[in-house]
C-alpha atoms as a PDB file:
ATOM      1  CA  MET A   1      18.733 -20.240 -11.338  1.00  0.00           C
ATOM      2  CA  LYS A   2      15.577 -22.280 -11.977  1.00  0.00           C
ATOM      3  CA  LYS A   3      13.038 -22.238  -9.136  1.00  0.00           C
ATOM      4  CA  LEU A   4      10.189 -24.657  -8.438  1.00  0.00           C
ATOM      5  CA  ILE A   5       7.167 -22.575  -7.404  1.00  0.00           C
ATOM      6  CA  VAL A   6       4.408 -24.408  -5.514  1.00  0.00           C
ATOM      7  CA  SER A   7       1.125 -22.949  -4.296  1.00  0.00           C
ATOM      8  CA  ASP A   8      -1.834 -24.084  -2.269  1.00  0.00           C
ATOM      9  CA  ILE A   9      -5.225 -23.156  -3.768  1.00  0.00           C
ATOM     10  CA  ASP A  10      -7.718 -21.905  -1.186  1.00  0.00           C
ATOM     11  CA  GLY A  11      -6.558 -18.871   0.748  1.00  0.00           C
ATOM     12  CA  THR A  12      -3.370 -18.664  -1.290  1.00  0.00           C
ATOM     13  CA  LEU A  13      -3.634 -18.809  -5.083  1.00  0.00           C
ATOM     14  CA  ILE A  14      -7.278 -17.758  -5.178  1.00  0.00           C
ATOM     15  CA  ARG A  15      -8.856 -14.751  -3.499  1.00  0.00           C
ATOM     16  CA  SER A  16     -11.786 -14.801  -1.096  1.00  0.00           C
ATOM     17  CA  ASP A  17     -14.127 -14.589  -4.107  1.00  0.00           C
ATOM     18  CA  HIS A  18     -12.633 -17.891  -5.408  1.00  0.00           C
ATOM     19  CA  LYS A  19     -11.006 -16.153  -8.380  1.00  0.00           C
ATOM     20  CA  ILE A  20      -7.365 -15.945  -9.448  1.00  0.00           C
ATOM     21  CA  SER A  21      -6.556 -12.295 -10.043  1.00  0.00           C
ATOM     22  CA  SER A  22      -5.371 -11.241 -13.493  1.00  0.00           C
ATOM     23  CA  ARG A  23      -2.134 -10.010 -11.888  1.00  0.00           C
ATOM     24  CA  THR A  24      -1.458 -13.398 -10.331  1.00  0.00           C
ATOM     25  CA  LYS A  25      -2.324 -15.303 -13.504  1.00  0.00           C
ATOM     26  CA  THR A  26      -0.106 -13.091 -15.684  1.00  0.00           C
ATOM     27  CA  ALA A  27       2.816 -13.276 -13.264  1.00  0.00           C
ATOM     28  CA  ILE A  28       2.725 -17.075 -12.911  1.00  0.00           C
ATOM     29  CA  GLU A  29       2.477 -17.541 -16.667  1.00  0.00           C
ATOM     30  CA  GLY A  30       5.480 -15.231 -17.023  1.00  0.00           C
ATOM     31  CA  TYR A  31       7.595 -17.244 -14.586  1.00  0.00           C
ATOM     32  CA  ILE A  32       6.653 -20.471 -16.385  1.00  0.00           C
ATOM     33  CA  GLU A  33       7.716 -18.950 -19.717  1.00  0.00           C
ATOM     34  CA  LYS A  34      11.077 -18.105 -18.137  1.00  0.00           C
ATOM     35  CA  GLY A  35      11.601 -21.771 -17.267  1.00  0.00           C
ATOM     36  CA  HIS A  36      10.480 -21.909 -13.641  1.00  0.00           C
ATOM     37  CA  PRO A  37       8.201 -24.951 -13.101  1.00  0.00           C
ATOM     38  CA  PHE A  38       4.939 -24.212 -11.288  1.00  0.00           C
ATOM     39  CA  ALA A  39       2.689 -26.656  -9.454  1.00  0.00           C
ATOM     40  CA  ILE A  40      -0.471 -26.504  -7.406  1.00  0.00           C
ATOM     41  CA  ALA A  41      -0.461 -28.497  -4.144  1.00  0.00           C
ATOM     42  CA  THR A  42      -3.912 -29.187  -2.748  1.00  0.00           C
ATOM     43  CA  GLY A  43      -5.829 -31.360  -0.357  1.00  0.00           C
ATOM     44  CA  ARG A  44      -8.387 -31.932  -3.105  1.00  0.00           C
ATOM     45  CA  MET A  45      -8.244 -35.072  -5.234  1.00  0.00           C
ATOM     46  CA  HIS A  46      -6.776 -34.615  -8.714  1.00  0.00           C
ATOM     47  CA  ALA A  47     -10.102 -34.255 -10.531  1.00  0.00           C
ATOM     48  CA  ALA A  48     -11.354 -31.642  -8.059  1.00  0.00           C
ATOM     49  CA  GLY A  49      -8.063 -29.772  -8.234  1.00  0.00           C
ATOM     50  CA  LEU A  50      -8.494 -29.509 -11.985  1.00  0.00           C
ATOM     51  CA  ILE A  51     -11.375 -27.079 -11.435  1.00  0.00           C
ATOM     52  CA  VAL A  52      -8.965 -24.234 -10.702  1.00  0.00           C
ATOM     53  CA  THR A  53      -7.141 -24.818 -14.007  1.00  0.00           C
ATOM     54  CA  GLN A  54     -10.158 -23.278 -15.721  1.00  0.00           C
ATOM     55  CA  GLN A  55      -8.585 -20.038 -14.500  1.00  0.00           C
ATOM     56  CA  LEU A  56      -4.899 -20.994 -14.701  1.00  0.00           C
ATOM     57  CA  ASP A  57      -4.157 -23.650 -17.307  1.00  0.00           C
ATOM     58  CA  TYR A  58      -0.511 -24.695 -17.172  1.00  0.00           C
ATOM     59  CA  ASP A  59       1.550 -27.536 -18.663  1.00  0.00           C
ATOM     60  CA  GLY A  60       2.797 -29.240 -15.520  1.00  0.00           C
ATOM     61  CA  TYR A  61       1.942 -31.315 -12.459  1.00  0.00           C
ATOM     62  CA  LEU A  62      -0.754 -31.137  -9.815  1.00  0.00           C
ATOM     63  CA  ILE A  63       0.048 -32.355  -6.295  1.00  0.00           C
ATOM     64  CA  SER A  64      -3.233 -33.671  -4.889  1.00  0.00           C
ATOM     65  CA  CYS A  65      -4.750 -35.425  -1.863  1.00  0.00           C
ATOM     66  CA  ASN A  66      -2.345 -33.633   0.511  1.00  0.00           C
ATOM     67  CA  GLY A  67       0.696 -34.907  -1.401  1.00  0.00           C
ATOM     68  CA  ALA A  68      -0.378 -38.509  -1.988  1.00  0.00           C
ATOM     69  CA  VAL A  69      -0.457 -38.090  -5.786  1.00  0.00           C
ATOM     70  CA  VAL A  70       1.618 -36.088  -8.278  1.00  0.00           C
ATOM     71  CA  LYS A  71       0.010 -36.273 -11.713  1.00  0.00           C
ATOM     72  CA  HIS A  72       0.621 -34.325 -14.934  1.00  0.00           C
ATOM     73  CA  LEU A  73      -2.282 -32.129 -15.978  1.00  0.00           C
ATOM     74  CA  LYS A  74      -1.890 -32.821 -19.704  1.00  0.00           C
ATOM     75  CA  THR A  75      -0.360 -36.270 -20.123  1.00  0.00           C
ATOM     76  CA  GLY A  76      -1.810 -37.962 -17.043  1.00  0.00           C
ATOM     77  CA  GLU A  77       1.669 -39.222 -16.095  1.00  0.00           C
ATOM     78  CA  ILE A  78       1.851 -40.114 -12.388  1.00  0.00           C
ATOM     79  CA  ILE A  79       5.309 -39.738 -10.846  1.00  0.00           C
ATOM     80  CA  HIS A  80       4.272 -40.273  -7.223  1.00  0.00           C
ATOM     81  CA  ALA A  81       1.346 -42.161  -5.668  1.00  0.00           C
ATOM     82  CA  VAL A  82       0.990 -43.395  -2.078  1.00  0.00           C
ATOM     83  CA  PRO A  83      -2.406 -44.935  -1.285  1.00  0.00           C
ATOM     84  CA  LEU A  84      -3.677 -46.102   2.064  1.00  0.00           C
ATOM     85  CA  SER A  85      -3.632 -49.882   2.475  1.00  0.00           C
ATOM     86  CA  PRO A  86      -7.012 -51.663   2.674  1.00  0.00           C
ATOM     87  CA  ASP A  87      -6.204 -52.697   6.255  1.00  0.00           C
ATOM     88  CA  ASP A  88      -5.458 -49.106   7.272  1.00  0.00           C
ATOM     89  CA  ILE A  89      -8.652 -47.869   5.632  1.00  0.00           C
ATOM     90  CA  ARG A  90     -10.672 -50.409   7.597  1.00  0.00           C
ATOM     91  CA  VAL A  91      -9.035 -49.311  10.854  1.00  0.00           C
ATOM     92  CA  VAL A  92     -10.100 -45.702  10.215  1.00  0.00           C
ATOM     93  CA  LEU A  93     -13.634 -46.673   9.193  1.00  0.00           C
ATOM     94  CA  LYS A  94     -14.004 -48.880  12.287  1.00  0.00           C
ATOM     95  CA  TYR A  95     -13.307 -45.880  14.522  1.00  0.00           C
ATOM     96  CA  CYS A  96     -15.670 -43.727  12.435  1.00  0.00           C
ATOM     97  CA  ARG A  97     -18.541 -46.194  12.769  1.00  0.00           C
ATOM     98  CA  GLU A  98     -17.964 -46.622  16.496  1.00  0.00           C
ATOM     99  CA  ASN A  99     -18.138 -42.848  16.996  1.00  0.00           C
ATOM    100  CA  ASP A 100     -20.850 -42.056  14.430  1.00  0.00           C
ATOM    101  CA  VAL A 101     -18.409 -40.006  12.338  1.00  0.00           C
ATOM    102  CA  TYR A 102     -19.155 -39.330   8.680  1.00  0.00           C
ATOM    103  CA  PHE A 103     -16.447 -40.377   6.171  1.00  0.00           C
ATOM    104  CA  HIS A 104     -15.762 -40.433   2.451  1.00  0.00           C
ATOM    105  CA  LEU A 105     -12.903 -41.900   0.418  1.00  0.00           C
ATOM    106  CA  TYR A 106     -10.936 -40.428  -2.499  1.00  0.00           C
ATOM    107  CA  ASP A 107      -9.172 -41.911  -5.481  1.00  0.00           C
ATOM    108  CA  ASN A 108      -7.939 -39.600  -8.254  1.00  0.00           C
ATOM    109  CA  ASP A 109     -11.317 -39.007  -9.861  1.00  0.00           C
ATOM    110  CA  VAL A 110     -14.112 -40.277  -7.592  1.00  0.00           C
ATOM    111  CA  ILE A 111     -15.420 -39.612  -4.086  1.00  0.00           C
ATOM    112  CA  TYR A 112     -16.950 -42.705  -2.440  1.00  0.00           C
ATOM    113  CA  ALA A 113     -19.402 -42.461   0.472  1.00  0.00           C
ATOM    114  CA  VAL A 114     -22.303 -44.279   2.066  1.00  0.00           C
ATOM    115  CA  GLU A 115     -24.158 -41.011   2.758  1.00  0.00           C
ATOM    116  CA  GLU A 116     -24.510 -37.839   0.691  1.00  0.00           C
ATOM    117  CA  LYS A 117     -23.489 -35.357   3.375  1.00  0.00           C
ATOM    118  CA  TYR A 118     -20.851 -32.680   3.976  1.00  0.00           C
ATOM    119  CA  LEU A 119     -18.312 -32.428   1.134  1.00  0.00           C
ATOM    120  CA  ALA A 120     -19.859 -35.270  -0.871  1.00  0.00           C
ATOM    121  CA  LYS A 121     -23.159 -33.390  -0.891  1.00  0.00           C
ATOM    122  CA  ARG A 122     -21.514 -30.066  -1.814  1.00  0.00           C
ATOM    123  CA  TYR A 123     -19.609 -31.638  -4.697  1.00  0.00           C
ATOM    124  CA  ALA A 124     -22.691 -33.533  -5.904  1.00  0.00           C
ATOM    125  CA  GLU A 125     -24.468 -30.176  -6.138  1.00  0.00           C
ATOM    126  CA  LEU A 126     -21.472 -28.462  -7.789  1.00  0.00           C
ATOM    127  CA  ILE A 127     -20.650 -31.054 -10.458  1.00  0.00           C
ATOM    128  CA  PRO A 128     -23.659 -30.397 -12.761  1.00  0.00           C
ATOM    129  CA  THR A 129     -22.674 -26.697 -12.915  1.00  0.00           C
ATOM    130  CA  LEU A 130     -19.158 -27.462 -14.191  1.00  0.00           C
ATOM    131  CA  PRO A 131     -18.122 -27.677 -17.852  1.00  0.00           C
ATOM    132  CA  GLU A 132     -18.159 -31.295 -19.033  1.00  0.00           C
ATOM    133  CA  ALA A 133     -14.359 -31.542 -19.130  1.00  0.00           C
ATOM    134  CA  TYR A 134     -14.103 -30.682 -15.426  1.00  0.00           C
ATOM    135  CA  ARG A 135     -16.771 -32.982 -14.027  1.00  0.00           C
ATOM    136  CA  PHE A 136     -16.014 -35.925 -11.762  1.00  0.00           C
ATOM    137  CA  GLU A 137     -18.041 -38.437  -9.759  1.00  0.00           C
ATOM    138  CA  VAL A 138     -19.514 -38.740  -6.299  1.00  0.00           C
ATOM    139  CA  ARG A 139     -20.651 -42.340  -5.773  1.00  0.00           C
ATOM    140  CA  ILE A 140     -23.017 -43.131  -2.913  1.00  0.00           C
ATOM    141  CA  MET A 141     -23.085 -46.854  -2.170  1.00  0.00           C
ATOM    142  CA  ASP A 142     -23.853 -49.424   0.488  1.00  0.00           C
ATOM    143  CA  GLU A 143     -21.243 -50.840   2.843  1.00  0.00           C
ATOM    144  CA  GLU A 144     -20.744 -54.029   0.804  1.00  0.00           C
ATOM    145  CA  ALA A 145     -20.006 -52.072  -2.379  1.00  0.00           C
ATOM    146  CA  LEU A 146     -17.691 -49.764  -0.470  1.00  0.00           C
ATOM    147  CA  ASP A 147     -15.755 -52.746   0.864  1.00  0.00           C
ATOM    148  CA  ALA A 148     -15.233 -53.933  -2.724  1.00  0.00           C
ATOM    149  CA  VAL A 149     -13.895 -50.488  -3.637  1.00  0.00           C
ATOM    150  CA  ILE A 150     -11.454 -50.615  -0.735  1.00  0.00           C
ATOM    151  CA  GLU A 151     -10.109 -53.958  -1.995  1.00  0.00           C
ATOM    152  CA  THR A 152      -9.761 -53.007  -5.670  1.00  0.00           C
ATOM    153  CA  THR A 153      -9.179 -49.242  -5.887  1.00  0.00           C
ATOM    154  CA  PRO A 154      -6.217 -47.135  -4.724  1.00  0.00           C
ATOM    155  CA  ILE A 155      -7.604 -44.807  -2.034  1.00  0.00           C
ATOM    156  CA  TYR A 156      -5.375 -41.822  -1.357  1.00  0.00           C
ATOM    157  CA  LYS A 157      -7.254 -39.939   1.345  1.00  0.00           C
ATOM    158  CA  ILE A 158     -10.147 -40.282   3.794  1.00  0.00           C
ATOM    159  CA  GLY A 159     -12.185 -37.233   4.761  1.00  0.00           C
ATOM    160  CA  LEU A 160     -13.907 -37.238   8.169  1.00  0.00           C
ATOM    161  CA  ASN A 161     -16.632 -34.918   9.502  1.00  0.00           C
ATOM    162  CA  SER A 162     -18.412 -34.480  12.826  1.00  0.00           C
ATOM    163  CA  GLU A 163     -20.161 -31.764  14.801  1.00  0.00           C
ATOM    164  CA  ASP A 164     -19.176 -33.394  18.114  1.00  0.00           C
ATOM    165  CA  LEU A 165     -15.923 -31.470  18.514  1.00  0.00           C
ATOM    166  CA  PRO A 166     -14.556 -32.956  21.789  1.00  0.00           C
ATOM    167  CA  MET A 167     -15.056 -36.496  20.468  1.00  0.00           C
ATOM    168  CA  PHE A 168     -13.638 -35.507  17.073  1.00  0.00           C
ATOM    169  CA  GLU A 169     -10.454 -34.131  18.631  1.00  0.00           C
ATOM    170  CA  GLN A 170     -10.063 -37.339  20.631  1.00  0.00           C
ATOM    171  CA  LEU A 171     -10.556 -39.430  17.497  1.00  0.00           C
ATOM    172  CA  LYS A 172      -7.855 -37.475  15.676  1.00  0.00           C
ATOM    173  CA  ALA A 173      -5.482 -37.956  18.617  1.00  0.00           C
ATOM    174  CA  THR A 174      -6.277 -41.694  18.697  1.00  0.00           C
ATOM    175  CA  LEU A 175      -5.549 -42.142  14.992  1.00  0.00           C
ATOM    176  CA  ARG A 176      -2.294 -40.217  15.315  1.00  0.00           C
ATOM    177  CA  SER A 177      -1.238 -42.344  18.285  1.00  0.00           C
ATOM    178  CA  LEU A 178      -1.439 -45.504  16.178  1.00  0.00           C
ATOM    179  CA  GLY A 179       1.582 -44.362  14.155  1.00  0.00           C
ATOM    180  CA  ARG A 180      -0.002 -45.549  10.895  1.00  0.00           C
ATOM    181  CA  PHE A 181      -1.465 -42.304   9.564  1.00  0.00           C
ATOM    182  CA  GLU A 182      -0.969 -38.639   8.802  1.00  0.00           C
ATOM    183  CA  THR A 183      -3.819 -36.305   9.749  1.00  0.00           C
ATOM    184  CA  CYS A 184      -4.409 -32.649   8.970  1.00  0.00           C
ATOM    185  CA  GLN A 185      -7.227 -30.269   9.766  1.00  0.00           C
ATOM    186  CA  SER A 186      -8.349 -26.987   8.216  1.00  0.00           C
ATOM    187  CA  ILE A 187     -11.699 -26.520  10.000  1.00  0.00           C
ATOM    188  CA  ALA A 188     -12.891 -27.789  13.372  1.00  0.00           C
ATOM    189  CA  THR A 189     -15.551 -30.137  11.973  1.00  0.00           C
ATOM    190  CA  SER A 190     -13.348 -31.858   9.367  1.00  0.00           C
ATOM    191  CA  PHE A 191      -9.971 -33.548   9.089  1.00  0.00           C
ATOM    192  CA  ASP A 192      -8.168 -35.721   6.523  1.00  0.00           C
ATOM    193  CA  VAL A 193      -6.349 -39.023   6.932  1.00  0.00           C
ATOM    194  CA  ASN A 194      -3.487 -40.103   4.656  1.00  0.00           C
ATOM    195  CA  ALA A 195      -0.937 -42.891   4.686  1.00  0.00           C
ATOM    196  CA  LYS A 196       2.036 -42.474   7.013  1.00  0.00           C
ATOM    197  CA  GLY A 197       4.638 -40.143   5.531  1.00  0.00           C
ATOM    198  CA  VAL A 198       2.228 -38.481   3.096  1.00  0.00           C
ATOM    199  CA  ASN A 199       1.997 -34.711   3.132  1.00  0.00           C
ATOM    200  CA  LYS A 200       2.491 -31.867   0.678  1.00  0.00           C
ATOM    201  CA  ALA A 201       6.227 -31.901   1.383  1.00  0.00           C
ATOM    202  CA  SER A 202       6.513 -35.530   0.229  1.00  0.00           C
ATOM    203  CA  GLY A 203       4.663 -34.624  -2.959  1.00  0.00           C
ATOM    204  CA  ILE A 204       6.981 -31.674  -3.584  1.00  0.00           C
ATOM    205  CA  GLU A 205      10.025 -33.852  -2.895  1.00  0.00           C
ATOM    206  CA  ALA A 206       8.928 -36.225  -5.673  1.00  0.00           C
ATOM    207  CA  LEU A 207       8.377 -33.316  -8.050  1.00  0.00           C
ATOM    208  CA  ARG A 208      11.625 -31.579  -7.096  1.00  0.00           C
ATOM    209  CA  ALA A 209      13.545 -34.788  -7.776  1.00  0.00           C
ATOM    210  CA  HIS A 210      11.748 -35.202 -11.112  1.00  0.00           C
ATOM    211  CA  TYR A 211      12.809 -31.716 -12.204  1.00  0.00           C
ATOM    212  CA  GLN A 212      16.259 -32.122 -10.579  1.00  0.00           C
ATOM    213  CA  ILE A 213      15.858 -28.838  -8.714  1.00  0.00           C
ATOM    214  CA  PRO A 214      17.647 -28.491  -5.347  1.00  0.00           C
ATOM    215  CA  VAL A 215      15.390 -28.126  -2.328  1.00  0.00           C
ATOM    216  CA  GLU A 216      16.881 -24.700  -1.621  1.00  0.00           C
ATOM    217  CA  ASP A 217      15.372 -23.553  -4.932  1.00  0.00           C
ATOM    218  CA  VAL A 218      11.834 -24.590  -3.970  1.00  0.00           C
ATOM    219  CA  ILE A 219       9.421 -21.784  -3.036  1.00  0.00           C
ATOM    220  CA  ALA A 220       6.169 -22.894  -1.389  1.00  0.00           C
ATOM    221  CA  PHE A 221       3.126 -20.778  -0.505  1.00  0.00           C
ATOM    222  CA  GLY A 222       0.305 -21.729   1.873  1.00  0.00           C
ATOM    223  CA  ASP A 223      -2.064 -20.634   4.586  1.00  0.00           C
ATOM    224  CA  ASN A 224      -3.387 -23.602   6.563  1.00  0.00           C
ATOM    225  CA  GLU A 225      -2.422 -26.638   8.618  1.00  0.00           C
ATOM    226  CA  ASN A 226      -2.010 -28.981   5.644  1.00  0.00           C
ATOM    227  CA  ASP A 227       0.566 -26.540   4.206  1.00  0.00           C
ATOM    228  CA  MET A 228       2.873 -26.614   7.235  1.00  0.00           C
ATOM    229  CA  ASP A 229       5.025 -29.532   6.120  1.00  0.00           C
ATOM    230  CA  MET A 230       5.733 -28.061   2.691  1.00  0.00           C
ATOM    231  CA  ILE A 231       6.451 -24.602   4.098  1.00  0.00           C
ATOM    232  CA  ALA A 232       8.914 -26.110   6.570  1.00  0.00           C
ATOM    233  CA  TYR A 233      10.448 -28.270   3.810  1.00  0.00           C
ATOM    234  CA  ALA A 234      10.869 -25.685   1.055  1.00  0.00           C
ATOM    235  CA  GLY A 235      14.016 -23.645   0.586  1.00  0.00           C
ATOM    236  CA  VAL A 236      11.743 -20.647   1.065  1.00  0.00           C
ATOM    237  CA  GLY A 237       8.451 -21.333   2.821  1.00  0.00           C
ATOM    238  CA  VAL A 238       5.975 -18.472   2.557  1.00  0.00           C
ATOM    239  CA  ALA A 239       2.879 -17.997   4.716  1.00  0.00           C
ATOM    240  CA  MET A 240       0.140 -15.780   3.377  1.00  0.00           C
ATOM    241  CA  GLY A 241      -0.875 -12.767   5.447  1.00  0.00           C
ATOM    242  CA  ASN A 242      -4.225 -14.487   6.041  1.00  0.00           C
ATOM    243  CA  ALA A 243      -2.552 -17.738   7.184  1.00  0.00           C
ATOM    244  CA  VAL A 244      -3.214 -19.288  10.574  1.00  0.00           C
ATOM    245  CA  GLU A 245      -0.653 -18.301  13.198  1.00  0.00           C
ATOM    246  CA  SER A 246       0.941 -21.769  13.360  1.00  0.00           C
ATOM    247  CA  VAL A 247       1.827 -21.516   9.661  1.00  0.00           C
ATOM    248  CA  LYS A 248       3.241 -18.009  10.025  1.00  0.00           C
ATOM    249  CA  ALA A 249       5.363 -19.193  12.947  1.00  0.00           C
ATOM    250  CA  ILE A 250       7.324 -21.707  10.845  1.00  0.00           C
ATOM    251  CA  ALA A 251       7.490 -19.719   7.582  1.00  0.00           C
ATOM    252  CA  ASP A 252      10.638 -18.040   6.267  1.00  0.00           C
ATOM    253  CA  ARG A 253       8.601 -15.141   4.928  1.00  0.00           C
ATOM    254  CA  VAL A 254       5.070 -13.781   5.393  1.00  0.00           C
ATOM    255  CA  ALA A 255       3.421 -12.356   2.279  1.00  0.00           C
ATOM    256  CA  PRO A 256       0.481  -9.972   2.042  1.00  0.00           C
ATOM    257  CA  THR A 257      -2.929 -11.681   2.015  1.00  0.00           C
ATOM    258  CA  ASN A 258      -4.430 -13.649  -0.852  1.00  0.00           C
ATOM    259  CA  ASP A 259      -6.774 -10.707  -1.521  1.00  0.00           C
ATOM    260  CA  GLU A 260      -3.730  -8.441  -1.880  1.00  0.00           C
ATOM    261  CA  ASP A 261      -1.976 -10.629  -4.502  1.00  0.00           C
ATOM    262  CA  GLY A 262       0.425 -11.703  -1.776  1.00  0.00           C
ATOM    263  CA  LEU A 263       1.814 -14.616  -3.793  1.00  0.00           C
ATOM    264  CA  VAL A 264       2.908 -12.332  -6.624  1.00  0.00           C
ATOM    265  CA  VAL A 265       4.177  -9.592  -4.321  1.00  0.00           C
ATOM    266  CA  MET A 266       6.423 -12.099  -2.559  1.00  0.00           C
ATOM    267  CA  LEU A 267       7.551 -13.815  -5.769  1.00  0.00           C
ATOM    268  CA  GLU A 268       8.615 -10.464  -7.212  1.00  0.00           C
ATOM    269  CA  ALA A 269      10.675  -9.797  -4.094  1.00  0.00           C
ATOM    270  CA  LEU A 270      12.213 -13.280  -3.990  1.00  0.00           C
ATOM    271  CA  MET A 271      13.126 -13.362  -7.664  1.00  0.00           C
ATOM    272  CA  LYS A 272      15.053 -10.117  -7.194  1.00  0.00           C
ATOM    273  CA  ASP A 273      17.015 -11.482  -4.229  1.00  0.00           C
END
């Protein structure tokens, strides 16, 4: 029976040293050769997610921006795309400006910001070190230029950052209460905002339907808050041994850690079942 295998990147597919082990790479390539589709599901935008394919280059789809986009790595075919509306983006940015919260916007290939801070700064420093084929853009612009981008460019995710944690938690609760957004958080000083209904599970649903694979034959691996929806959705949802407790609590199985090749250990067990 064909399985759809889906993995998060950080804390799941890659080890703490940011490498994919040779065991993991060989095993995944073997399952692909046997006809089991594989996909990465990440909070990163598509172009940033491509970085990991330097280590694991496969002919298939990448689920990016927390499930907002499903795009083929080779052909560029997009089978699923759910951007935020311009009005919703402006609502989020209004709250950010009122609370002095840093923000940046993502399309598939570009990060847009009015300040080079936090992730925009880290990526701006990283990009020159990447091979040419894996580089993307960070564009710093004024508010007027950013407003033009919002009107003309599909924006799939907004990243927010603040060191004022009590205010930041309240802001997240406020945005959730509006009923217009999905939010997810992996560290205390940062959270993401997507359109309502967008999460990694919605991205996997689009891919599962494309491959015509029943949901019970989907295996999903993750470790953090933005993986919870896909782990709950999948036929078999697997939390890594290093996952946060909330992810482990809803998972069907708990694998060894990412540094112990937990993804492969669990796949070997599941494929025998």
